[in-house]
């Protein structure tokens, strides 16, 4: 793994990326694989904690905000 990859948490999971983007800025979108883009977030303990909480079903988000974030991220995918 190179240094640039270690600085970012990346995910191709649109729902996870949408949830994370409610709290953290999307640093970029990695499109190296034409079939699966990766959303990049700054790697830190807060991001890791939200990811853990997401996978354990412990996060609560407002549904309309979540839906709007999905639309925002889809726009970024196709820009």
N, C-alpha and C. Protein backbone atom coordinates (compact mmCIF):
# COMPACT_ATOMS: atom_id res chain seq x y z
N UNK A 1 0.85 -1.17 0.00
CA UNK A 1 0.00 0.00 0.00
C UNK A 1 0.89 1.23 0.00
N UNK A 2 0.60 2.20 -0.87
CA UNK A 2 1.43 3.40 -0.90
C UNK A 2 0.96 4.42 0.13
N UNK A 3 1.77 5.45 0.33
CA UNK A 3 1.49 6.45 1.35
C UNK A 3 0.17 7.16 1.10
N UNK A 4 -0.14 7.49 -0.15
CA UNK A 4 -1.39 8.19 -0.45
C UNK A 4 -2.60 7.36 -0.05
N UNK A 5 -2.57 6.06 -0.26
CA UNK A 5 -3.69 5.20 0.11
C UNK A 5 -3.85 5.13 1.62
N UNK A 6 -2.76 5.21 2.38
CA UNK A 6 -2.83 5.13 3.83
C UNK A 6 -3.45 6.38 4.44
N UNK A 7 -3.42 7.50 3.74
CA UNK A 7 -3.96 8.75 4.25
C UNK A 7 -5.48 8.81 4.14
N UNK A 8 -6.08 7.90 3.38
CA UNK A 8 -7.51 7.95 3.13
C UNK A 8 -8.20 6.65 3.52
N UNK A 9 -9.45 6.82 3.99
CA UNK A 9 -10.35 5.69 4.10
C UNK A 9 -11.13 5.69 2.80
N UNK A 10 -11.21 4.56 2.12
CA UNK A 10 -11.94 4.50 0.86
C UNK A 10 -13.03 3.45 0.93
N UNK A 11 -14.13 3.73 0.24
CA UNK A 11 -15.22 2.78 0.17
C UNK A 11 -15.95 2.94 -1.16
N UNK A 12 -16.41 1.85 -1.70
CA UNK A 12 -17.25 1.89 -2.89
C UNK A 12 -18.72 1.73 -2.52
N UNK A 13 -19.01 1.55 -1.24
CA UNK A 13 -20.36 1.38 -0.72
C UNK A 13 -21.05 2.76 -0.68
N UNK A 14 -22.02 2.97 -1.57
CA UNK A 14 -22.68 4.26 -1.68
C UNK A 14 -23.40 4.64 -0.39
N UNK A 15 -24.05 3.69 0.26
CA UNK A 15 -24.76 4.00 1.51
C UNK A 15 -23.77 4.42 2.60
N UNK A 16 -22.67 3.70 2.76
CA UNK A 16 -21.67 4.06 3.76
C UNK A 16 -21.06 5.41 3.45
N UNK A 17 -20.72 5.65 2.19
CA UNK A 17 -20.15 6.94 1.80
C UNK A 17 -21.14 8.07 2.06
N UNK A 18 -22.41 7.83 1.81
CA UNK A 18 -23.43 8.84 2.06
C UNK A 18 -23.52 9.18 3.54
N UNK A 19 -23.51 8.17 4.37
CA UNK A 19 -23.56 8.40 5.82
C UNK A 19 -22.31 9.15 6.27
N UNK A 20 -21.14 8.70 5.85
CA UNK A 20 -19.91 9.37 6.27
C UNK A 20 -19.88 10.83 5.81
N UNK A 21 -20.41 11.09 4.63
CA UNK A 21 -20.36 12.46 4.10
C UNK A 21 -21.31 13.40 4.84
N UNK A 22 -22.16 12.87 5.70
CA UNK A 22 -22.97 13.73 6.57
C UNK A 22 -22.09 14.40 7.63
N UNK A 23 -20.96 13.76 7.98
CA UNK A 23 -20.06 14.28 9.01
C UNK A 23 -18.71 14.73 8.47
N UNK A 24 -18.25 14.10 7.39
CA UNK A 24 -16.89 14.34 6.90
C UNK A 24 -16.90 14.68 5.41
N UNK A 25 -15.95 15.48 5.01
CA UNK A 25 -15.84 15.88 3.60
C UNK A 25 -15.33 14.72 2.76
N UNK A 26 -15.90 14.58 1.58
CA UNK A 26 -15.38 13.62 0.60
C UNK A 26 -14.14 14.28 0.00
N UNK A 27 -12.99 13.66 0.21
CA UNK A 27 -11.73 14.24 -0.26
C UNK A 27 -11.53 14.04 -1.76
N UNK A 28 -12.20 13.02 -2.30
CA UNK A 28 -12.08 12.76 -3.72
C UNK A 28 -12.79 11.48 -4.10
N UNK A 29 -12.80 11.21 -5.39
CA UNK A 29 -13.38 9.99 -5.92
C UNK A 29 -12.31 9.33 -6.78
N UNK A 30 -11.92 8.12 -6.41
CA UNK A 30 -10.91 7.36 -7.16
C UNK A 30 -11.63 6.56 -8.24
N UNK A 31 -11.33 6.88 -9.49
CA UNK A 31 -11.99 6.20 -10.62
C UNK A 31 -11.03 5.29 -11.38
N UNK A 32 -9.98 4.81 -10.75
CA UNK A 32 -9.00 3.96 -11.44
C UNK A 32 -9.63 2.70 -11.98
N UNK A 33 -10.56 2.12 -11.24
CA UNK A 33 -11.29 0.95 -11.71
C UNK A 33 -12.57 1.47 -12.39
N UNK A 34 -12.70 1.30 -13.70
CA UNK A 34 -13.86 1.86 -14.40
C UNK A 34 -15.19 1.25 -13.98
N UNK A 35 -15.17 0.10 -13.32
CA UNK A 35 -16.42 -0.54 -12.91
C UNK A 35 -16.81 -0.22 -11.46
N UNK A 36 -15.88 0.34 -10.68
CA UNK A 36 -16.18 0.59 -9.27
C UNK A 36 -15.36 1.77 -8.76
N UNK A 37 -16.01 2.89 -8.55
CA UNK A 37 -15.35 4.07 -8.01
C UNK A 37 -15.26 3.96 -6.49
N UNK A 38 -14.26 4.61 -5.93
CA UNK A 38 -14.04 4.62 -4.48
C UNK A 38 -14.17 6.05 -3.98
N UNK A 39 -14.97 6.26 -2.94
CA UNK A 39 -15.05 7.56 -2.29
C UNK A 39 -13.95 7.62 -1.24
N UNK A 40 -13.24 8.74 -1.19
CA UNK A 40 -12.11 8.90 -0.30
C UNK A 40 -12.43 9.90 0.81
N UNK A 41 -12.11 9.50 2.04
CA UNK A 41 -12.28 10.34 3.21
C UNK A 41 -10.94 10.38 3.95
N UNK A 42 -10.64 11.50 4.59
CA UNK A 42 -9.41 11.59 5.39
C UNK A 42 -9.43 10.48 6.44
N UNK A 43 -8.32 9.76 6.57
CA UNK A 43 -8.22 8.65 7.52
C UNK A 43 -7.97 9.21 8.92
N UNK A 44 -8.89 8.97 9.85
CA UNK A 44 -8.69 9.36 11.24
C UNK A 44 -9.58 8.52 12.13
N UNK A 45 -9.42 8.68 13.43
CA UNK A 45 -10.17 7.85 14.38
C UNK A 45 -11.67 8.11 14.32
N UNK A 46 -12.08 9.36 14.07
CA UNK A 46 -13.50 9.67 14.01
C UNK A 46 -14.17 8.96 12.84
N UNK A 47 -13.50 8.93 11.70
CA UNK A 47 -14.05 8.21 10.54
C UNK A 47 -14.15 6.72 10.85
N UNK A 48 -13.09 6.17 11.43
CA UNK A 48 -13.10 4.75 11.77
C UNK A 48 -14.22 4.41 12.75
N UNK A 49 -14.49 5.30 13.71
CA UNK A 49 -15.57 5.07 14.67
C UNK A 49 -16.93 5.10 13.99
N UNK A 50 -17.14 6.03 13.06
CA UNK A 50 -18.42 6.08 12.32
C UNK A 50 -18.60 4.83 11.46
N UNK A 51 -17.52 4.35 10.85
CA UNK A 51 -17.60 3.14 10.04
C UNK A 51 -17.98 1.95 10.92
N UNK A 52 -17.34 1.84 12.07
CA UNK A 52 -17.66 0.75 13.00
C UNK A 52 -19.12 0.84 13.43
N UNK A 53 -19.58 2.05 13.78
CA UNK A 53 -20.96 2.23 14.21
C UNK A 53 -21.93 1.91 13.07
N UNK A 54 -21.57 2.27 11.84
CA UNK A 54 -22.40 1.96 10.68
C UNK A 54 -22.60 0.45 10.55
N UNK A 55 -21.49 -0.29 10.60
CA UNK A 55 -21.57 -1.75 10.41
C UNK A 55 -22.23 -2.46 11.58
N UNK A 56 -22.28 -1.83 12.76
CA UNK A 56 -22.95 -2.41 13.91
C UNK A 56 -24.38 -1.92 14.06
N UNK A 57 -24.85 -1.12 13.12
CA UNK A 57 -26.23 -0.64 13.15
C UNK A 57 -26.50 0.35 14.26
N UNK A 58 -25.50 1.10 14.66
CA UNK A 58 -25.63 2.02 15.80
C UNK A 58 -25.83 3.47 15.39
N UNK A 59 -25.81 3.78 14.10
CA UNK A 59 -25.95 5.17 13.66
C UNK A 59 -27.42 5.49 13.40
N UNK A 60 -27.77 6.71 13.75
CA UNK A 60 -29.10 7.23 13.44
C UNK A 60 -28.91 8.48 12.59
N UNK A 61 -29.56 8.50 11.44
CA UNK A 61 -29.49 9.67 10.55
C UNK A 61 -30.90 10.05 10.12
N UNK A 62 -31.05 11.31 9.79
CA UNK A 62 -32.33 11.81 9.32
C UNK A 62 -32.52 11.31 7.88
N UNK A 63 -33.62 10.63 7.59
CA UNK A 63 -33.81 10.01 6.28
C UNK A 63 -33.68 10.95 5.09
N UNK A 64 -34.24 12.14 5.18
CA UNK A 64 -34.18 13.05 4.04
C UNK A 64 -32.75 13.52 3.79
N UNK A 65 -31.97 13.77 4.84
CA UNK A 65 -30.56 14.13 4.68
C UNK A 65 -29.80 13.00 4.00
N UNK A 66 -30.07 11.77 4.45
CA UNK A 66 -29.40 10.60 3.88
C UNK A 66 -29.70 10.50 2.38
N UNK A 67 -30.97 10.62 2.02
CA UNK A 67 -31.37 10.54 0.62
C UNK A 67 -30.71 11.64 -0.21
N UNK A 68 -30.69 12.86 0.34
CA UNK A 68 -30.06 13.97 -0.37
C UNK A 68 -28.56 13.73 -0.56
N UNK A 69 -27.90 13.14 0.42
CA UNK A 69 -26.47 12.86 0.29
C UNK A 69 -26.21 11.81 -0.78
N UNK A 70 -27.09 10.83 -0.91
CA UNK A 70 -26.95 9.85 -1.98
C UNK A 70 -26.97 10.57 -3.33
N UNK A 71 -27.90 11.50 -3.50
CA UNK A 71 -27.99 12.26 -4.75
C UNK A 71 -26.73 13.08 -4.99
N UNK A 72 -26.21 13.71 -3.95
CA UNK A 72 -24.99 14.51 -4.07
C UNK A 72 -23.82 13.62 -4.52
N UNK A 73 -23.68 12.46 -3.90
CA UNK A 73 -22.56 11.57 -4.25
C UNK A 73 -22.72 10.99 -5.65
N UNK A 74 -23.93 10.67 -6.05
CA UNK A 74 -24.14 10.18 -7.42
C UNK A 74 -23.75 11.26 -8.42
N UNK A 75 -24.04 12.51 -8.12
CA UNK A 75 -23.64 13.61 -8.98
C UNK A 75 -22.13 13.65 -9.10
N UNK A 76 -21.43 13.48 -7.98
CA UNK A 76 -19.96 13.49 -8.02
C UNK A 76 -19.40 12.33 -8.83
N UNK A 77 -20.10 11.20 -8.81
CA UNK A 77 -19.64 10.05 -9.59
C UNK A 77 -19.64 10.34 -11.08
N UNK A 78 -20.62 11.10 -11.53
CA UNK A 78 -20.80 11.29 -12.97
C UNK A 78 -20.32 12.64 -13.49
N UNK A 79 -19.67 13.42 -12.64
CA UNK A 79 -19.17 14.72 -13.12
C UNK A 79 -17.87 14.59 -13.86
